Amino acid sequence: MELIGTLFVGLVVGAIARFAMPGEQKMGWIMTILLGIGGAFVAGFVGQSLGWYTAGQGAGWIASVIGALVLLFAVQKLRGGSGSKA
């Protein structure tokens, strides 16, 4: 049941990040879930490095969305553009 919860949180966080990022992100719902889960991991790692979270403590919703936005920005830059080429 924990896996289903993780997938749901990943989907919600990834969807919020995709909605907040300007431009078009061409990815399906599986990549959106992975984006949200990755954002939570990034936020947890940064939060532990800064002393905001203890080891084993997960990041909050806002931090996870910010982490997902950072990942989405990095992916767009690595793909070479903002998503729309006019």
N, C-alpha and C. Protein backbone atom coordinates (compact mmCIF):
# COMPACT_ATOMS: atom_id res chain seq x y z
N MET A 1 0.82 -1.19 0.00
CA MET A 1 0.00 0.00 0.00
C MET A 1 0.87 1.26 0.00
N GLU A 2 2.06 1.15 0.58
CA GLU A 2 2.96 2.30 0.61
C GLU A 2 3.42 2.67 -0.80
N LEU A 3 3.61 1.67 -1.66
CA LEU A 3 4.02 1.93 -3.04
C LEU A 3 2.95 2.72 -3.79
N ILE A 4 1.71 2.36 -3.59
CA ILE A 4 0.61 3.08 -4.24
C ILE A 4 0.56 4.52 -3.75
N GLY A 5 0.78 4.73 -2.47
CA GLY A 5 0.82 6.09 -1.93
C GLY A 5 1.96 6.90 -2.51
N THR A 6 3.12 6.27 -2.66
CA THR A 6 4.28 6.94 -3.24
C THR A 6 4.00 7.33 -4.69
N LEU A 7 3.40 6.43 -5.44
CA LEU A 7 3.07 6.73 -6.84
C LEU A 7 2.05 7.86 -6.94
N PHE A 8 1.07 7.87 -6.05
CA PHE A 8 0.06 8.92 -6.06
C PHE A 8 0.69 10.28 -5.72
N VAL A 9 1.52 10.31 -4.69
CA VAL A 9 2.19 11.57 -4.32
C VAL A 9 3.09 12.03 -5.46
N GLY A 10 3.81 11.10 -6.09
CA GLY A 10 4.65 11.46 -7.23
C GLY A 10 3.85 12.05 -8.37
N LEU A 11 2.68 11.48 -8.64
CA LEU A 11 1.83 12.00 -9.70
C LEU A 11 1.34 13.41 -9.38
N VAL A 12 0.91 13.63 -8.15
CA VAL A 12 0.41 14.95 -7.76
C VAL A 12 1.53 15.99 -7.80
N VAL A 13 2.67 15.66 -7.22
CA VAL A 13 3.80 16.61 -7.19
C VAL A 13 4.29 16.89 -8.61
N GLY A 14 4.42 15.86 -9.43
CA GLY A 14 4.86 16.04 -10.81
C GLY A 14 3.88 16.87 -11.62
N ALA A 15 2.59 16.63 -11.42
CA ALA A 15 1.58 17.39 -12.14
C ALA A 15 1.60 18.87 -11.74
N ILE A 16 1.77 19.14 -10.45
CA ILE A 16 1.85 20.53 -9.99
C ILE A 16 3.08 21.21 -10.59
N ALA A 17 4.20 20.50 -10.62
CA ALA A 17 5.42 21.08 -11.18
C ALA A 17 5.26 21.35 -12.68
N ARG A 18 4.65 20.42 -13.40
CA ARG A 18 4.44 20.62 -14.83
C ARG A 18 3.49 21.78 -15.09
N PHE A 19 2.48 21.94 -14.25
CA PHE A 19 1.54 23.05 -14.39
C PHE A 19 2.22 24.38 -14.10
N ALA A 20 3.12 24.41 -13.12
CA ALA A 20 3.78 25.65 -12.71
C ALA A 20 4.88 26.08 -13.67
N MET A 21 5.47 25.13 -14.40
CA MET A 21 6.57 25.46 -15.31
C MET A 21 6.00 25.99 -16.63
N PRO A 22 6.43 27.18 -17.06
CA PRO A 22 5.92 27.71 -18.32
C PRO A 22 6.41 26.87 -19.51
N GLY A 23 5.63 26.87 -20.56
CA GLY A 23 5.99 26.12 -21.75
C GLY A 23 5.36 24.73 -21.73
N GLU A 24 5.61 23.99 -22.79
CA GLU A 24 5.04 22.66 -22.92
C GLU A 24 6.07 21.61 -22.53
N GLN A 25 5.68 20.69 -21.67
CA GLN A 25 6.54 19.58 -21.30
C GLN A 25 5.95 18.33 -21.93
N LYS A 26 6.69 17.74 -22.83
CA LYS A 26 6.19 16.56 -23.54
C LYS A 26 6.62 15.31 -22.77
N MET A 27 5.75 14.88 -21.87
CA MET A 27 5.99 13.65 -21.12
C MET A 27 4.65 13.07 -20.71
N GLY A 28 4.63 11.78 -20.58
CA GLY A 28 3.41 11.09 -20.19
C GLY A 28 3.24 11.05 -18.68
N TRP A 29 2.23 10.33 -18.25
CA TRP A 29 1.94 10.29 -16.82
C TRP A 29 2.97 9.49 -16.05
N ILE A 30 3.61 8.50 -16.67
CA ILE A 30 4.65 7.74 -15.96
C ILE A 30 5.86 8.64 -15.70
N MET A 31 6.25 9.42 -16.69
CA MET A 31 7.36 10.36 -16.49
C MET A 31 6.98 11.45 -15.48
N THR A 32 5.70 11.83 -15.45
CA THR A 32 5.25 12.80 -14.46
C THR A 32 5.39 12.23 -13.05
N ILE A 33 5.03 10.95 -12.87
CA ILE A 33 5.20 10.30 -11.57
C ILE A 33 6.67 10.26 -11.19
N LEU A 34 7.53 9.86 -12.13
CA LEU A 34 8.97 9.80 -11.84
C LEU A 34 9.54 11.18 -11.54
N LEU A 35 9.03 12.20 -12.21
CA LEU A 35 9.45 13.57 -11.93
C LEU A 35 9.09 13.96 -10.50
N GLY A 36 7.88 13.65 -10.07
CA GLY A 36 7.45 13.97 -8.71
C GLY A 36 8.25 13.22 -7.66
N ILE A 37 8.49 11.93 -7.89
CA ILE A 37 9.28 11.13 -6.94
C ILE A 37 10.71 11.65 -6.90
N GLY A 38 11.28 11.95 -8.07
CA GLY A 38 12.64 12.50 -8.11
C GLY A 38 12.72 13.85 -7.40
N GLY A 39 11.69 14.67 -7.57
CA GLY A 39 11.66 15.97 -6.88
C GLY A 39 11.64 15.81 -5.38
N ALA A 40 10.92 14.81 -4.90
CA ALA A 40 10.89 14.55 -3.45
C ALA A 40 12.24 14.10 -2.95
N PHE A 41 12.92 13.25 -3.74
CA PHE A 41 14.27 12.82 -3.35
C PHE A 41 15.25 13.99 -3.33
N VAL A 42 15.20 14.84 -4.35
CA VAL A 42 16.08 16.01 -4.40
C VAL A 42 15.81 16.91 -3.21
N ALA A 43 14.54 17.17 -2.92
CA ALA A 43 14.19 18.04 -1.80
C ALA A 43 14.64 17.42 -0.47
N GLY A 44 14.48 16.12 -0.32
CA GLY A 44 14.92 15.46 0.90
C GLY A 44 16.43 15.52 1.07
N PHE A 45 17.16 15.31 -0.02
CA PHE A 45 18.63 15.36 0.05
C PHE A 45 19.11 16.77 0.39
N VAL A 46 18.57 17.77 -0.29
CA VAL A 46 18.97 19.15 -0.01
C VAL A 46 18.57 19.55 1.41
N GLY A 47 17.36 19.15 1.82
CA GLY A 47 16.90 19.48 3.16
C GLY A 47 17.76 18.84 4.24
N GLN A 48 18.20 17.61 4.02
CA GLN A 48 19.09 16.96 4.99
C GLN A 48 20.46 17.63 5.00
N SER A 49 20.94 18.05 3.84
CA SER A 49 22.23 18.73 3.76
C SER A 49 22.20 20.07 4.50
N LEU A 50 21.07 20.74 4.45
CA LEU A 50 20.94 22.04 5.11
C LEU A 50 20.47 21.94 6.56
N GLY A 51 20.17 20.72 7.00
CA GLY A 51 19.75 20.52 8.38
C GLY A 51 18.26 20.72 8.61
N TRP A 52 17.47 20.81 7.55
CA TRP A 52 16.03 20.99 7.70
C TRP A 52 15.33 19.70 8.07
N TYR A 53 15.85 18.58 7.57
CA TYR A 53 15.26 17.27 7.83
C TYR A 53 16.31 16.36 8.45
N THR A 54 15.85 15.40 9.24
CA THR A 54 16.76 14.40 9.79
C THR A 54 16.80 13.21 8.83
N ALA A 55 17.75 12.32 9.03
CA ALA A 55 17.88 11.14 8.17
C ALA A 55 16.61 10.30 8.26
N GLY A 56 16.10 9.92 7.12
CA GLY A 56 14.88 9.12 7.07
C GLY A 56 13.60 9.93 7.04
N GLN A 57 13.69 11.22 7.24
CA GLN A 57 12.50 12.07 7.22
C GLN A 57 12.28 12.56 5.79
N GLY A 58 11.07 12.43 5.30
CA GLY A 58 10.75 12.85 3.94
C GLY A 58 10.55 14.35 3.84
N ALA A 59 10.68 14.85 2.63
CA ALA A 59 10.46 16.27 2.39
C ALA A 59 8.97 16.56 2.37
N GLY A 60 8.62 17.80 2.61
CA GLY A 60 7.22 18.21 2.58
C GLY A 60 6.74 18.42 1.15
N TRP A 61 5.45 18.72 1.02
CA TRP A 61 4.85 18.89 -0.30
C TRP A 61 5.47 20.04 -1.07
N ILE A 62 5.62 21.19 -0.42
CA ILE A 62 6.15 22.37 -1.12
C ILE A 62 7.59 22.13 -1.55
N ALA A 63 8.39 21.56 -0.67
CA ALA A 63 9.79 21.28 -1.01
C ALA A 63 9.86 20.26 -2.15
N SER A 64 8.97 19.29 -2.15
CA SER A 64 8.96 18.29 -3.22
C SER A 64 8.61 18.92 -4.56
N VAL A 65 7.65 19.83 -4.57
CA VAL A 65 7.29 20.52 -5.81
C VAL A 65 8.46 21.36 -6.30
N ILE A 66 9.14 22.04 -5.40
CA ILE A 66 10.30 22.85 -5.78
C ILE A 66 11.40 21.95 -6.34
N GLY A 67 11.63 20.81 -5.71
CA GLY A 67 12.61 19.85 -6.22
C GLY A 67 12.24 19.36 -7.61
N ALA A 68 10.95 19.09 -7.83
CA ALA A 68 10.49 18.64 -9.15
C ALA A 68 10.65 19.75 -10.19
N LEU A 69 10.41 20.99 -9.79
CA LEU A 69 10.61 22.12 -10.71
C LEU A 69 12.07 22.24 -11.11
N VAL A 70 12.97 22.04 -10.16
CA VAL A 70 14.41 22.08 -10.46
C VAL A 70 14.77 20.98 -11.45
N LEU A 71 14.27 19.77 -11.21
CA LEU A 71 14.53 18.66 -12.14
C LEU A 71 13.94 18.93 -13.52
N LEU A 72 12.73 19.45 -13.57
CA LEU A 72 12.09 19.74 -14.84
C LEU A 72 12.86 20.81 -15.61
N PHE A 73 13.34 21.82 -14.92
CA PHE A 73 14.16 22.86 -15.55
C PHE A 73 15.44 22.26 -16.11
N ALA A 74 16.09 21.39 -15.33
CA ALA A 74 17.33 20.76 -15.78
C ALA A 74 17.09 19.88 -17.00
N VAL A 75 16.00 19.15 -17.02
CA VAL A 75 15.69 18.29 -18.16
C VAL A 75 15.44 19.14 -19.40
N GLN A 76 14.73 20.24 -19.26
CA GLN A 76 14.47 21.11 -20.41
C GLN A 76 15.77 21.68 -20.96
N LYS A 77 16.68 22.06 -20.10
CA LYS A 77 17.95 22.61 -20.56
C LYS A 77 18.80 21.54 -21.23
N LEU A 78 18.76 20.31 -20.71
CA LEU A 78 19.53 19.23 -21.32
C LEU A 78 18.95 18.82 -22.67
N ARG A 79 17.65 18.92 -22.81
CA ARG A 79 17.01 18.61 -24.09
C ARG A 79 17.24 19.69 -25.12
N GLY A 80 17.66 20.86 -24.66
CA GLY A 80 18.01 21.94 -25.58
C GLY A 80 16.87 22.86 -25.94
N GLY A 81 16.33 23.52 -24.96
CA GLY A 81 15.30 24.51 -25.27
C GLY A 81 14.28 24.59 -24.18
N SER A 82 13.33 25.49 -24.40
CA SER A 82 12.28 25.70 -23.42
C SER A 82 11.04 24.90 -23.73
N GLY A 83 11.08 24.08 -24.76
CA GLY A 83 9.93 23.28 -25.11
C GLY A 83 9.17 23.82 -26.30
N SER A 84 9.23 25.12 -26.53
CA SER A 84 8.55 25.69 -27.69
C SER A 84 9.56 26.42 -28.55
N LYS A 85 9.63 26.03 -29.80
CA LYS A 85 10.59 26.65 -30.73
C LYS A 85 9.81 27.41 -31.78
N ALA A 86 9.74 28.70 -31.62
CA ALA A 86 8.96 29.52 -32.55
C ALA A 86 9.83 30.26 -33.51
